[in-house]
Amino acid sequence: MQLFSFPSRFPAWGFPVAVITTFANIYFFPSLIDLELFIFEKPPPALVGSLQVNKKLQSGQRIFTGQLKGPESFTVDDEGNNLYIGTVDGKLWIISGDQLHFITQMGQNMPECETPDSPD
């Protein structure tokens, strides 16, 4: 049973020689990458306070699924009541309570970035 069929111009022993040569080069020749060992001077900080492990994100819920196209950035106002979101299509949105409101379009209005139900 023949596993490979080679063209008549390629000798049957060529493939095994190429594989062996490749592995020999990888094994015997030094790497061009100069590795340097890094040792930390102090132990890592204790996971307390804001670094403490928690599961708060696991209890989160998705809101406005399918209504916002590619949220890229967000910020909260000083009172913490409104969430402002910039999306990939250049639109600025505000989430106030459980309501989503369109604020403005930044940059050029490009048709390829439109969402099907976005305001014009």
PDB file of N, CA and C in Angstrom:
ATOM      1  N   MET A   1       0.830  -1.170   0.000  1.00  0.00           N
ATOM      2  CA  MET A   1       0.000   0.000   0.000  1.00  0.00           C
ATOM      3  C   MET A   1       0.885   1.248   0.000  1.00  0.00           C
ATOM      4  N   GLN A   2       0.660   2.142  -0.917  1.00  0.00           N
ATOM      5  CA  GLN A   2       1.456   3.346  -1.047  1.00  0.00           C
ATOM      6  C   GLN A   2       0.673   4.524  -0.471  1.00  0.00           C
ATOM      7  N   LEU A   3       1.296   5.240   0.493  1.00  0.00           N
ATOM      8  CA  LEU A   3       0.614   6.356   1.142  1.00  0.00           C
ATOM      9  C   LEU A   3       0.644   7.627   0.304  1.00  0.00           C
ATOM     10  N   PHE A   4       1.746   7.879  -0.356  1.00  0.00           N
ATOM     11  CA  PHE A   4       1.889   9.080  -1.164  1.00  0.00           C
ATOM     12  C   PHE A   4       2.199   8.687  -2.589  1.00  0.00           C
ATOM     13  N   SER A   5       1.692   9.438  -3.519  1.00  0.00           N
ATOM     14  CA  SER A   5       2.108   9.235  -4.911  1.00  0.00           C
ATOM     15  C   SER A   5       2.818  10.502  -5.351  1.00  0.00           C
ATOM     16  N   PHE A   6       4.076  10.377  -5.698  1.00  0.00           N
ATOM     17  CA  PHE A   6       4.884  11.516  -6.086  1.00  0.00           C
ATOM     18  C   PHE A   6       4.961  11.597  -7.605  1.00  0.00           C
ATOM     19  N   PRO A   7       5.100  12.803  -8.132  1.00  0.00           N
ATOM     20  CA  PRO A   7       5.318  12.921  -9.576  1.00  0.00           C
ATOM     21  C   PRO A   7       6.628  12.228  -9.959  1.00  0.00           C
ATOM     22  N   SER A   8       6.744  11.863 -11.164  1.00  0.00           N
ATOM     23  CA  SER A   8       7.929  11.123 -11.613  1.00  0.00           C
ATOM     24  C   SER A   8       9.210  11.944 -11.484  1.00  0.00           C
ATOM     25  N   ARG A   9       9.113  13.278 -11.432  1.00  0.00           N
ATOM     26  CA  ARG A   9      10.312  14.124 -11.307  1.00  0.00           C
ATOM     27  C   ARG A   9      10.843  14.128  -9.882  1.00  0.00           C
ATOM     28  N   PHE A  10      10.043  13.747  -8.910  1.00  0.00           N
ATOM     29  CA  PHE A  10      10.411  13.803  -7.507  1.00  0.00           C
ATOM     30  C   PHE A  10      10.755  12.401  -7.026  1.00  0.00           C
ATOM     31  N   PRO A  11      11.973  12.176  -6.547  1.00  0.00           N
ATOM     32  CA  PRO A  11      12.334  10.817  -6.105  1.00  0.00           C
ATOM     33  C   PRO A  11      11.573  10.427  -4.841  1.00  0.00           C
ATOM     34  N   ALA A  12      11.296   9.163  -4.682  1.00  0.00           N
ATOM     35  CA  ALA A  12      10.513   8.648  -3.558  1.00  0.00           C
ATOM     36  C   ALA A  12      11.206   8.903  -2.224  1.00  0.00           C
ATOM     37  N   TRP A  13      12.504   8.979  -2.204  1.00  0.00           N
ATOM     38  CA  TRP A  13      13.228   9.175  -0.951  1.00  0.00           C
ATOM     39  C   TRP A  13      13.314  10.662  -0.571  1.00  0.00           C
ATOM     40  N   GLY A  14      12.856  11.571  -1.419  1.00  0.00           N
ATOM     41  CA  GLY A  14      12.987  13.011  -1.184  1.00  0.00           C
ATOM     42  C   GLY A  14      12.177  13.506   0.004  1.00  0.00           C
ATOM     43  N   PHE A  15      10.949  13.012   0.144  1.00  0.00           N
ATOM     44  CA  PHE A  15      10.096  13.470   1.237  1.00  0.00           C
ATOM     45  C   PHE A  15      10.661  13.077   2.601  1.00  0.00           C
ATOM     46  N   PRO A  16      11.025  11.808   2.831  1.00  0.00           N
ATOM     47  CA  PRO A  16      11.603  11.451   4.134  1.00  0.00           C
ATOM     48  C   PRO A  16      12.892  12.224   4.429  1.00  0.00           C
ATOM     49  N   VAL A  17      13.709  12.470   3.426  1.00  0.00           N
ATOM     50  CA  VAL A  17      14.945  13.227   3.634  1.00  0.00           C
ATOM     51  C   VAL A  17      14.615  14.661   4.045  1.00  0.00           C
ATOM     52  N   ALA A  18      13.607  15.270   3.417  1.00  0.00           N
ATOM     53  CA  ALA A  18      13.213  16.639   3.758  1.00  0.00           C
ATOM     54  C   ALA A  18      12.699  16.715   5.190  1.00  0.00           C
ATOM     55  N   VAL A  19      11.901  15.738   5.619  1.00  0.00           N
ATOM     56  CA  VAL A  19      11.369  15.720   6.980  1.00  0.00           C
ATOM     57  C   VAL A  19      12.494  15.549   7.988  1.00  0.00           C
ATOM     58  N   ILE A  20      13.390  14.620   7.750  1.00  0.00           N
ATOM     59  CA  ILE A  20      14.511  14.372   8.669  1.00  0.00           C
ATOM     60  C   ILE A  20      15.415  15.598   8.750  1.00  0.00           C
ATOM     61  N   THR A  21      15.681  16.238   7.621  1.00  0.00           N
ATOM     62  CA  THR A  21      16.519  17.441   7.600  1.00  0.00           C
ATOM     63  C   THR A  21      15.870  18.569   8.392  1.00  0.00           C
ATOM     64  N   THR A  22      14.573  18.732   8.240  1.00  0.00           N
ATOM     65  CA  THR A  22      13.865  19.785   8.964  1.00  0.00           C
ATOM     66  C   THR A  22      13.949  19.558  10.462  1.00  0.00           C
ATOM     67  N   PHE A  23      13.661  18.339  10.913  1.00  0.00           N
ATOM     68  CA  PHE A  23      13.737  18.045  12.341  1.00  0.00           C
ATOM     69  C   PHE A  23      15.157  18.182  12.878  1.00  0.00           C
ATOM     70  N   ALA A  24      16.158  17.787  12.107  1.00  0.00           N
ATOM     71  CA  ALA A  24      17.550  17.916  12.531  1.00  0.00           C
ATOM     72  C   ALA A  24      17.923  19.390  12.701  1.00  0.00           C
ATOM     73  N   ASN A  25      17.475  20.230  11.767  1.00  0.00           N
ATOM     74  CA  ASN A  25      17.767  21.661  11.870  1.00  0.00           C
ATOM     75  C   ASN A  25      17.105  22.272  13.101  1.00  0.00           C
ATOM     76  N   ILE A  26      15.887  21.881  13.380  1.00  0.00           N
ATOM     77  CA  ILE A  26      15.184  22.421  14.541  1.00  0.00           C
ATOM     78  C   ILE A  26      15.863  21.969  15.831  1.00  0.00           C
ATOM     79  N   TYR A  27      16.304  20.729  15.880  1.00  0.00           N
ATOM     80  CA  TYR A  27      16.870  20.160  17.100  1.00  0.00           C
ATOM     81  C   TYR A  27      18.312  20.605  17.355  1.00  0.00           C
ATOM     82  N   PHE A  28      19.149  20.621  16.340  1.00  0.00           N
ATOM     83  CA  PHE A  28      20.580  20.828  16.533  1.00  0.00           C
ATOM     84  C   PHE A  28      21.034  22.280  16.441  1.00  0.00           C
ATOM     85  N   PHE A  29      20.380  23.105  15.644  1.00  0.00           N
ATOM     86  CA  PHE A  29      20.843  24.478  15.483  1.00  0.00           C
ATOM     87  C   PHE A  29      20.229  25.366  16.557  1.00  0.00           C
ATOM     88  N   PRO A  30      21.012  26.319  17.084  1.00  0.00           N
ATOM     89  CA  PRO A  30      20.486  27.184  18.149  1.00  0.00           C
ATOM     90  C   PRO A  30      19.411  28.132  17.620  1.00  0.00           C
ATOM     91  N   SER A  31      18.543  28.523  18.508  1.00  0.00           N
ATOM     92  CA  SER A  31      17.465  29.445  18.157  1.00  0.00           C
ATOM     93  C   SER A  31      18.026  30.853  17.999  1.00  0.00           C
ATOM     94  N   LEU A  32      17.418  31.645  17.155  1.00  0.00           N
ATOM     95  CA  LEU A  32      17.817  33.035  16.986  1.00  0.00           C
ATOM     96  C   LEU A  32      17.232  33.917  18.089  1.00  0.00           C
ATOM     97  N   ILE A  33      16.339  33.351  18.881  1.00  0.00           N
ATOM     98  CA  ILE A  33      15.725  34.085  19.985  1.00  0.00           C
ATOM     99  C   ILE A  33      16.590  33.906  21.223  1.00  0.00           C
ATOM    100  N   ASP A  34      17.034  35.017  21.796  1.00  0.00           N
ATOM    101  CA  ASP A  34      17.870  34.963  22.990  1.00  0.00           C
ATOM    102  C   ASP A  34      16.966  35.070  24.211  1.00  0.00           C
ATOM    103  N   LEU A  35      16.719  33.949  24.865  1.00  0.00           N
ATOM    104  CA  LEU A  35      15.835  33.927  26.020  1.00  0.00           C
ATOM    105  C   LEU A  35      16.561  34.433  27.255  1.00  0.00           C
ATOM    106  N   GLU A  36      15.851  35.234  28.059  1.00  0.00           N
ATOM    107  CA  GLU A  36      16.419  35.756  29.286  1.00  0.00           C
ATOM    108  C   GLU A  36      15.456  35.445  30.429  1.00  0.00           C
ATOM    109  N   LEU A  37      15.944  34.808  31.449  1.00  0.00           N
ATOM    110  CA  LEU A  37      15.131  34.432  32.589  1.00  0.00           C
ATOM    111  C   LEU A  37      14.825  35.664  33.428  1.00  0.00           C
ATOM    112  N   PHE A  38      13.568  35.846  33.780  1.00  0.00           N
ATOM    113  CA  PHE A  38      13.162  36.972  34.607  1.00  0.00           C
ATOM    114  C   PHE A  38      12.649  36.436  35.930  1.00  0.00           C
ATOM    115  N   ILE A  39      13.199  36.942  37.013  1.00  0.00           N
ATOM    116  CA  ILE A  39      12.784  36.519  38.344  1.00  0.00           C
ATOM    117  C   ILE A  39      12.238  37.738  39.074  1.00  0.00           C
ATOM    118  N   PHE A  40      11.021  37.624  39.601  1.00  0.00           N
ATOM    119  CA  PHE A  40      10.424  38.720  40.343  1.00  0.00           C
ATOM    120  C   PHE A  40      11.178  38.942  41.643  1.00  0.00           C
ATOM    121  N   GLU A  41      11.360  40.196  42.021  1.00  0.00           N
ATOM    122  CA  GLU A  41      12.082  40.516  43.249  1.00  0.00           C
ATOM    123  C   GLU A  41      11.215  40.307  44.485  1.00  0.00           C
ATOM    124  N   LYS A  42       9.919  40.562  44.352  1.00  0.00           N
ATOM    125  CA  LYS A  42       8.995  40.410  45.484  1.00  0.00           C
ATOM    126  C   LYS A  42       7.888  39.455  45.086  1.00  0.00           C
ATOM    127  N   PRO A  43       7.207  38.871  46.062  1.00  0.00           N
ATOM    128  CA  PRO A  43       6.056  38.022  45.721  1.00  0.00           C
ATOM    129  C   PRO A  43       4.920  38.896  45.176  1.00  0.00           C
ATOM    130  N   PRO A  44       4.014  38.319  44.414  1.00  0.00           N
ATOM    131  CA  PRO A  44       2.897  39.112  43.882  1.00  0.00           C
ATOM    132  C   PRO A  44       2.029  39.657  45.015  1.00  0.00           C
ATOM    133  N   PRO A  45       1.314  40.757  44.740  1.00  0.00           N
ATOM    134  CA  PRO A  45       0.479  41.337  45.809  1.00  0.00           C
ATOM    135  C   PRO A  45      -0.653  40.389  46.191  1.00  0.00           C
ATOM    136  N   ALA A  46      -1.074  40.515  47.430  1.00  0.00           N
ATOM    137  CA  ALA A  46      -2.190  39.693  47.910  1.00  0.00           C
ATOM    138  C   ALA A  46      -3.468  40.138  47.217  1.00  0.00           C
ATOM    139  N   LEU A  47      -4.337  39.197  46.930  1.00  0.00           N
ATOM    140  CA  LEU A  47      -5.594  39.496  46.259  1.00  0.00           C
ATOM    141  C   LEU A  47      -6.639  39.922  47.289  1.00  0.00           C
ATOM    142  N   VAL A  48      -6.501  41.158  47.768  1.00  0.00           N
ATOM    143  CA  VAL A  48      -7.431  41.719  48.745  1.00  0.00           C
ATOM    144  C   VAL A  48      -7.949  43.047  48.220  1.00  0.00           C
ATOM    145  N   GLY A  49      -9.025  43.517  48.801  1.00  0.00           N
ATOM    146  CA  GLY A  49      -9.598  44.796  48.381  1.00  0.00           C
ATOM    147  C   GLY A  49     -10.144  44.708  46.964  1.00  0.00           C
ATOM    148  N   SER A  50      -9.735  45.664  46.111  1.00  0.00           N
ATOM    149  CA  SER A  50     -10.242  45.680  44.742  1.00  0.00           C
ATOM    150  C   SER A  50      -9.690  44.530  43.903  1.00  0.00           C
ATOM    151  N   LEU A  51      -8.636  43.873  44.363  1.00  0.00           N
ATOM    152  CA  LEU A  51      -8.076  42.729  43.641  1.00  0.00           C
ATOM    153  C   LEU A  51      -8.685  41.404  44.078  1.00  0.00           C
ATOM    154  N   GLN A  52      -9.562  41.448  45.058  1.00  0.00           N
ATOM    155  CA  GLN A  52     -10.151  40.225  45.596  1.00  0.00           C
ATOM    156  C   GLN A  52     -10.974  39.500  44.535  1.00  0.00           C
ATOM    157  N   VAL A  53     -10.854  38.200  44.481  1.00  0.00           N
ATOM    158  CA  VAL A  53     -11.594  37.381  43.533  1.00  0.00           C
ATOM    159  C   VAL A  53     -13.080  37.450  43.874  1.00  0.00           C
ATOM    160  N   ASN A  54     -13.910  37.677  42.841  1.00  0.00           N
ATOM    161  CA  ASN A  54     -15.354  37.707  43.062  1.00  0.00           C
ATOM    162  C   ASN A  54     -16.051  37.149  41.834  1.00  0.00           C
ATOM    163  N   LYS A  55     -17.353  37.006  41.913  1.00  0.00           N
ATOM    164  CA  LYS A  55     -18.130  36.447  40.805  1.00  0.00           C
ATOM    165  C   LYS A  55     -19.214  37.417  40.354  1.00  0.00           C
ATOM    166  N   LYS A  56     -18.972  38.712  40.498  1.00  0.00           N
ATOM    167  CA  LYS A  56     -19.982  39.716  40.159  1.00  0.00           C
ATOM    168  C   LYS A  56     -20.344  39.690  38.679  1.00  0.00           C
ATOM    169  N   LEU A  57     -19.357  39.495  37.794  1.00  0.00           N
ATOM    170  CA  LEU A  57     -19.650  39.485  36.363  1.00  0.00           C
ATOM    171  C   LEU A  57     -20.481  38.278  35.946  1.00  0.00           C
ATOM    172  N   GLN A  58     -20.428  37.206  36.726  1.00  0.00           N
ATOM    173  CA  GLN A  58     -21.218  36.025  36.398  1.00  0.00           C
ATOM    174  C   GLN A  58     -22.703  36.247  36.619  1.00  0.00           C
ATOM    175  N   SER A  59     -23.053  37.247  37.428  1.00  0.00           N
ATOM    176  CA  SER A  59     -24.468  37.527  37.670  1.00  0.00           C
ATOM    177  C   SER A  59     -24.988  38.645  36.763  1.00  0.00           C
ATOM    178  N   GLY A  60     -24.167  39.115  35.832  1.00  0.00           N
ATOM    179  CA  GLY A  60     -24.603  40.168  34.912  1.00  0.00           C
ATOM    180  C   GLY A  60     -25.651  39.657  33.937  1.00  0.00           C
ATOM    181  N   GLN A  61     -26.360  40.589  33.318  1.00  0.00           N
ATOM    182  CA  GLN A  61     -27.365  40.210  32.337  1.00  0.00           C
ATOM    183  C   GLN A  61     -27.203  41.070  31.087  1.00  0.00           C
ATOM    184  N   ARG A  62     -27.504  40.497  29.952  1.00  0.00           N
ATOM    185  CA  ARG A  62     -27.421  41.218  28.684  1.00  0.00           C
ATOM    186  C   ARG A  62     -28.634  42.131  28.541  1.00  0.00           C
ATOM    187  N   ILE A  63     -28.353  43.346  28.088  1.00  0.00           N
ATOM    188  CA  ILE A  63     -29.449  44.277  27.838  1.00  0.00           C
ATOM    189  C   ILE A  63     -29.325  44.807  26.418  1.00  0.00           C
ATOM    190  N   PHE A  64     -30.425  45.109  25.802  1.00  0.00           N
ATOM    191  CA  PHE A  64     -30.495  45.673  24.454  1.00  0.00           C
ATOM    192  C   PHE A  64     -29.768  44.814  23.432  1.00  0.00           C
ATOM    193  N   THR A  65     -29.904  43.504  23.553  1.00  0.00           N
ATOM    194  CA  THR A  65     -29.294  42.571  22.611  1.00  0.00           C
ATOM    195  C   THR A  65     -29.861  42.808  21.218  1.00  0.00           C
ATOM    196  N   GLY A  66     -28.984  42.970  20.246  1.00  0.00           N
ATOM    197  CA  GLY A  66     -29.391  43.178  18.867  1.00  0.00           C
ATOM    198  C   GLY A  66     -29.746  44.617  18.534  1.00  0.00           C
ATOM    199  N   GLN A  67     -29.739  45.510  19.526  1.00  0.00           N
ATOM    200  CA  GLN A  67     -30.095  46.901  19.276  1.00  0.00           C
ATOM    201  C   GLN A  67     -28.874  47.803  19.125  1.00  0.00           C
ATOM    202  N   LEU A  68     -27.755  47.408  19.701  1.00  0.00           N
ATOM    203  CA  LEU A  68     -26.524  48.175  19.585  1.00  0.00           C
ATOM    204  C   LEU A  68     -25.539  47.400  18.735  1.00  0.00           C
ATOM    205  N   LYS A  69     -24.959  48.060  17.734  1.00  0.00           N
ATOM    206  CA  LYS A  69     -24.012  47.378  16.852  1.00  0.00           C
ATOM    207  C   LYS A  69     -22.589  47.657  17.318  1.00  0.00           C
ATOM    208  N   GLY A  70     -21.965  46.660  17.885  1.00  0.00           N
ATOM    209  CA  GLY A  70     -20.556  46.735  18.266  1.00  0.00           C
ATOM    210  C   GLY A  70     -20.209  47.839  19.238  1.00  0.00           C
ATOM    211  N   PRO A  71     -20.694  47.776  20.492  1.00  0.00           N
ATOM    212  CA  PRO A  71     -20.282  48.786  21.467  1.00  0.00           C
ATOM    213  C   PRO A  71     -18.764  48.787  21.605  1.00  0.00           C
ATOM    214  N   GLU A  72     -18.153  49.966  21.455  1.00  0.00           N
ATOM    215  CA  GLU A  72     -16.697  50.079  21.509  1.00  0.00           C
ATOM    216  C   GLU A  72     -16.202  50.741  22.779  1.00  0.00           C
ATOM    217  N   SER A  73     -16.943  51.727  23.256  1.00  0.00           N
ATOM    218  CA  SER A  73     -16.503  52.451  24.437  1.00  0.00           C
ATOM    219  C   SER A  73     -17.719  52.875  25.246  1.00  0.00           C
ATOM    220  N   PHE A  74     -17.490  53.142  26.514  1.00  0.00           N
ATOM    221  CA  PHE A  74     -18.595  53.571  27.361  1.00  0.00           C
ATOM    222  C   PHE A  74     -18.060  54.422  28.501  1.00  0.00           C
ATOM    223  N   THR A  75     -18.933  55.219  29.056  1.00  0.00           N
ATOM    224  CA  THR A  75     -18.626  56.010  30.244  1.00  0.00           C
ATOM    225  C   THR A  75     -19.925  56.254  31.001  1.00  0.00           C
ATOM    226  N   VAL A  76     -19.783  56.587  32.258  1.00  0.00           N
ATOM    227  CA  VAL A  76     -20.939  56.843  33.121  1.00  0.00           C
ATOM    228  C   VAL A  76     -20.869  58.303  33.562  1.00  0.00           C
ATOM    229  N   ASP A  77     -22.026  58.964  33.678  1.00  0.00           N
ATOM    230  CA  ASP A  77     -22.022  60.353  34.136  1.00  0.00           C
ATOM    231  C   ASP A  77     -21.666  60.419  35.619  1.00  0.00           C
ATOM    232  N   ASP A  78     -21.484  61.648  36.111  1.00  0.00           N
ATOM    233  CA  ASP A  78     -21.020  61.852  37.484  1.00  0.00           C
ATOM    234  C   ASP A  78     -21.964  61.286  38.544  1.00  0.00           C
ATOM    235  N   GLU A  79     -23.251  61.291  38.250  1.00  0.00           N
ATOM    236  CA  GLU A  79     -24.212  60.764  39.212  1.00  0.00           C
ATOM    237  C   GLU A  79     -24.314  59.243  39.149  1.00  0.00           C
ATOM    238  N   GLY A  80     -23.819  58.641  38.085  1.00  0.00           N
ATOM    239  CA  GLY A  80     -23.889  57.193  37.927  1.00  0.00           C
ATOM    240  C   GLY A  80     -25.231  56.695  37.448  1.00  0.00           C
ATOM    241  N   ASN A  81     -26.058  57.603  36.914  1.00  0.00           N
ATOM    242  CA  ASN A  81     -27.399  57.219  36.481  1.00  0.00           C
ATOM    243  C   ASN A  81     -27.475  56.867  34.999  1.00  0.00           C
ATOM    244  N   ASN A  82     -26.616  57.455  34.186  1.00  0.00           N
ATOM    245  CA  ASN A  82     -26.686  57.284  32.740  1.00  0.00           C
ATOM    246  C   ASN A  82     -25.398  56.670  32.206  1.00  0.00           C
ATOM    247  N   LEU A  83     -25.547  55.759  31.286  1.00  0.00           N
ATOM    248  CA  LEU A  83     -24.413  55.097  30.646  1.00  0.00           C
ATOM    249  C   LEU A  83     -24.373  55.558  29.190  1.00  0.00           C
ATOM    250  N   TYR A  84     -23.263  56.160  28.783  1.00  0.00           N
ATOM    251  CA  TYR A  84     -23.089  56.625  27.408  1.00  0.00           C
ATOM    252  C   TYR A  84     -22.249  55.609  26.652  1.00  0.00           C
ATOM    253  N   ILE A  85     -22.701  55.232  25.442  1.00  0.00           N
ATOM    254  CA  ILE A  85     -22.045  54.171  24.681  1.00  0.00           C
ATOM    255  C   ILE A  85     -21.757  54.664  23.270  1.00  0.00           C
ATOM    256  N   GLY A  86     -20.514  54.465  22.816  1.00  0.00           N
ATOM    257  CA  GLY A  86     -20.138  54.721  21.430  1.00  0.00           C
ATOM    258  C   GLY A  86     -20.076  53.392  20.700  1.00  0.00           C
ATOM    259  N   THR A  87     -20.692  53.317  19.526  1.00  0.00           N
ATOM    260  CA  THR A  87     -20.729  52.057  18.781  1.00  0.00           C
ATOM    261  C   THR A  87     -19.859  52.131  17.533  1.00  0.00           C
ATOM    262  N   VAL A  88     -19.604  50.983  16.950  1.00  0.00           N
ATOM    263  CA  VAL A  88     -18.714  50.856  15.804  1.00  0.00           C
ATOM    264  C   VAL A  88     -19.207  51.651  14.597  1.00  0.00           C
ATOM    265  N   ASP A  89     -20.491  51.895  14.507  1.00  0.00           N
ATOM    266  CA  ASP A  89     -21.026  52.636  13.363  1.00  0.00           C
ATOM    267  C   ASP A  89     -21.026  54.145  13.586  1.00  0.00           C
ATOM    268  N   GLY A  90     -20.354  54.633  14.642  1.00  0.00           N
ATOM    269  CA  GLY A  90     -20.214  56.059  14.872  1.00  0.00           C
ATOM    270  C   GLY A  90     -21.375  56.698  15.600  1.00  0.00           C
ATOM    271  N   LYS A  91     -22.241  55.918  16.168  1.00  0.00           N
ATOM    272  CA  LYS A  91     -23.402  56.461  16.867  1.00  0.00           C
ATOM    273  C   LYS A  91     -23.112  56.553  18.363  1.00  0.00           C
ATOM    274  N   LEU A  92     -23.716  57.559  18.995  1.00  0.00           N
ATOM    275  CA  LEU A  92     -23.605  57.732  20.429  1.00  0.00           C
ATOM    276  C   LEU A  92     -24.979  57.488  21.035  1.00  0.00           C
ATOM    277  N   TRP A  93     -25.017  56.605  22.023  1.00  0.00           N
ATOM    278  CA  TRP A  93     -26.275  56.199  22.661  1.00  0.00           C
ATOM    279  C   TRP A  93     -26.189  56.488  24.150  1.00  0.00           C
ATOM    280  N   ILE A  94     -27.346  56.615  24.780  1.00  0.00           N
ATOM    281  CA  ILE A  94     -27.415  56.757  26.229  1.00  0.00           C
ATOM    282  C   ILE A  94     -28.390  55.711  26.758  1.00  0.00           C
ATOM    283  N   ILE A  95     -27.983  55.053  27.818  1.00  0.00           N
ATOM    284  CA  ILE A  95     -28.879  54.138  28.522  1.00  0.00           C
ATOM    285  C   ILE A  95     -29.221  54.811  29.841  1.00  0.00           C
ATOM    286  N   SER A  96     -30.477  55.079  30.014  1.00  0.00           N
ATOM    287  CA  SER A  96     -30.966  55.713  31.230  1.00  0.00           C
ATOM    288  C   SER A  96     -32.040  54.794  31.810  1.00  0.00           C
ATOM    289  N   GLY A  97     -31.723  54.187  32.931  1.00  0.00           N
ATOM    290  CA  GLY A  97     -32.636  53.204  33.517  1.00  0.00           C
ATOM    291  C   GLY A  97     -32.720  51.999  32.607  1.00  0.00           C
ATOM    292  N   ASP A  98     -33.930  51.699  32.131  1.00  0.00           N
ATOM    293  CA  ASP A  98     -34.095  50.579  31.197  1.00  0.00           C
ATOM    294  C   ASP A  98     -34.437  51.070  29.799  1.00  0.00           C
ATOM    295  N   GLN A  99     -34.098  52.343  29.493  1.00  0.00           N
ATOM    296  CA  GLN A  99     -34.390  52.946  28.193  1.00  0.00           C
ATOM    297  C   GLN A  99     -33.098  53.197  27.411  1.00  0.00           C
ATOM    298  N   LEU A 100     -33.155  52.925  26.102  1.00  0.00           N
ATOM    299  CA  LEU A 100     -32.047  53.194  25.204  1.00  0.00           C
ATOM    300  C   LEU A 100     -32.441  54.354  24.299  1.00  0.00           C
ATOM    301  N   HIS A 101     -31.601  55.406  24.269  1.00  0.00           N
ATOM    302  CA  HIS A 101     -31.897  56.588  23.465  1.00  0.00           C
ATOM    303  C   HIS A 101     -30.724  56.900  22.540  1.00  0.00           C
ATOM    304  N   PHE A 102     -31.037  57.208  21.288  1.00  0.00           N
ATOM    305  CA  PHE A 102     -30.040  57.621  20.306  1.00  0.00           C
ATOM    306  C   PHE A 102     -29.735  59.102  20.538  1.00  0.00           C
ATOM    307  N   ILE A 103     -28.434  59.467  20.589  1.00  0.00           N
ATOM    308  CA  ILE A 103     -28.054  60.861  20.805  1.00  0.00           C
ATOM    309  C   ILE A 103     -27.633  61.514  19.488  1.00  0.00           C
ATOM    310  N   THR A 104     -26.603  60.974  18.837  1.00  0.00           N
ATOM    311  CA  THR A 104     -26.097  61.601  17.622  1.00  0.00           C
ATOM    312  C   THR A 104     -25.264  60.621  16.808  1.00  0.00           C
ATOM    313  N   GLN A 105     -25.018  61.016  15.574  1.00  0.00           N
ATOM    314  CA  GLN A 105     -24.141  60.271  14.661  1.00  0.00           C
ATOM    315  C   GLN A 105     -22.846  61.062  14.541  1.00  0.00           C
ATOM    316  N   MET A 106     -21.715  60.435  14.811  1.00  0.00           N
ATOM    317  CA  MET A 106     -20.416  61.101  14.681  1.00  0.00           C
ATOM    318  C   MET A 106     -19.764  60.653  13.384  1.00  0.00           C
ATOM    319  N   GLY A 107     -19.036  61.527  12.740  1.00  0.00           N
ATOM    320  CA  GLY A 107     -18.354  61.177  11.501  1.00  0.00           C
ATOM    321  C   GLY A 107     -19.339  61.067  10.353  1.00  0.00           C
ATOM    322  N   GLN A 108     -18.918  60.376   9.303  1.00  0.00           N
ATOM    323  CA  GLN A 108     -19.748  60.215   8.114  1.00  0.00           C
ATOM    324  C   GLN A 108     -20.751  59.091   8.317  1.00  0.00           C
ATOM    325  N   ASN A 109     -21.914  59.268   7.735  1.00  0.00           N
ATOM    326  CA  ASN A 109     -22.933  58.230   7.790  1.00  0.00           C
ATOM    327  C   ASN A 109     -22.654  57.255   6.649  1.00  0.00           C
ATOM    328  N   MET A 110     -22.010  56.141   6.962  1.00  0.00           N
ATOM    329  CA  MET A 110     -21.604  55.180   5.944  1.00  0.00           C
ATOM    330  C   MET A 110     -22.604  54.028   5.909  1.00  0.00           C
ATOM    331  N   PRO A 111     -23.199  53.737   4.736  1.00  0.00           N
ATOM    332  CA  PRO A 111     -24.233  52.699   4.648  1.00  0.00           C
ATOM    333  C   PRO A 111     -23.764  51.318   5.112  1.00  0.00           C
ATOM    334  N   GLU A 112     -22.492  50.989   4.890  1.00  0.00           N
ATOM    335  CA  GLU A 112     -22.019  49.660   5.286  1.00  0.00           C
ATOM    336  C   GLU A 112     -21.936  49.503   6.797  1.00  0.00           C
ATOM    337  N   CYS A 113     -22.039  50.611   7.540  1.00  0.00           N
ATOM    338  CA  CYS A 113     -22.000  50.545   9.000  1.00  0.00           C
ATOM    339  C   CYS A 113     -23.381  50.646   9.626  1.00  0.00           C
ATOM    340  N   GLU A 114     -24.406  50.774   8.818  1.00  0.00           N
ATOM    341  CA  GLU A 114     -25.766  50.939   9.327  1.00  0.00           C
ATOM    342  C   GLU A 114     -26.296  49.654   9.955  1.00  0.00           C
ATOM    343  N   THR A 115     -27.073  49.813  10.991  1.00  0.00           N
ATOM    344  CA  THR A 115     -27.837  48.708  11.528  1.00  0.00           C
ATOM    345  C   THR A 115     -29.222  48.790  10.914  1.00  0.00           C
ATOM    346  N   PRO A 116     -29.909  47.673  10.720  1.00  0.00           N
ATOM    347  CA  PRO A 116     -31.199  47.700  10.052  1.00  0.00           C
ATOM    348  C   PRO A 116     -32.249  48.609  10.695  1.00  0.00           C
ATOM    349  N   ASP A 117     -32.212  48.735  12.028  1.00  0.00           N
ATOM    350  CA  ASP A 117     -33.239  49.512  12.692  1.00  0.00           C
ATOM    351  C   ASP A 117     -32.712  50.810  13.297  1.00  0.00           C
ATOM    352  N   SER A 118     -31.561  51.306  12.798  1.00  0.00           N
ATOM    353  CA  SER A 118     -30.988  52.529  13.364  1.00  0.00           C
ATOM    354  C   SER A 118     -31.689  53.758  12.803  1.00  0.00           C
ATOM    355  N   PRO A 119     -31.786  54.818  13.615  1.00  0.00           N
ATOM    356  CA  PRO A 119     -32.393  56.046  13.125  1.00  0.00           C
ATOM    357  C   PRO A 119     -31.484  56.740  12.117  1.00  0.00           C
ATOM    358  N   ASP A 120     -32.048  57.487  11.202  1.00  0.00           N
ATOM    359  CA  ASP A 120     -31.254  58.179  10.186  1.00  0.00           C
ATOM    360  C   ASP A 120     -30.766  59.519  10.655  1.00  0.00           C
TER     361      ASP A 120
END
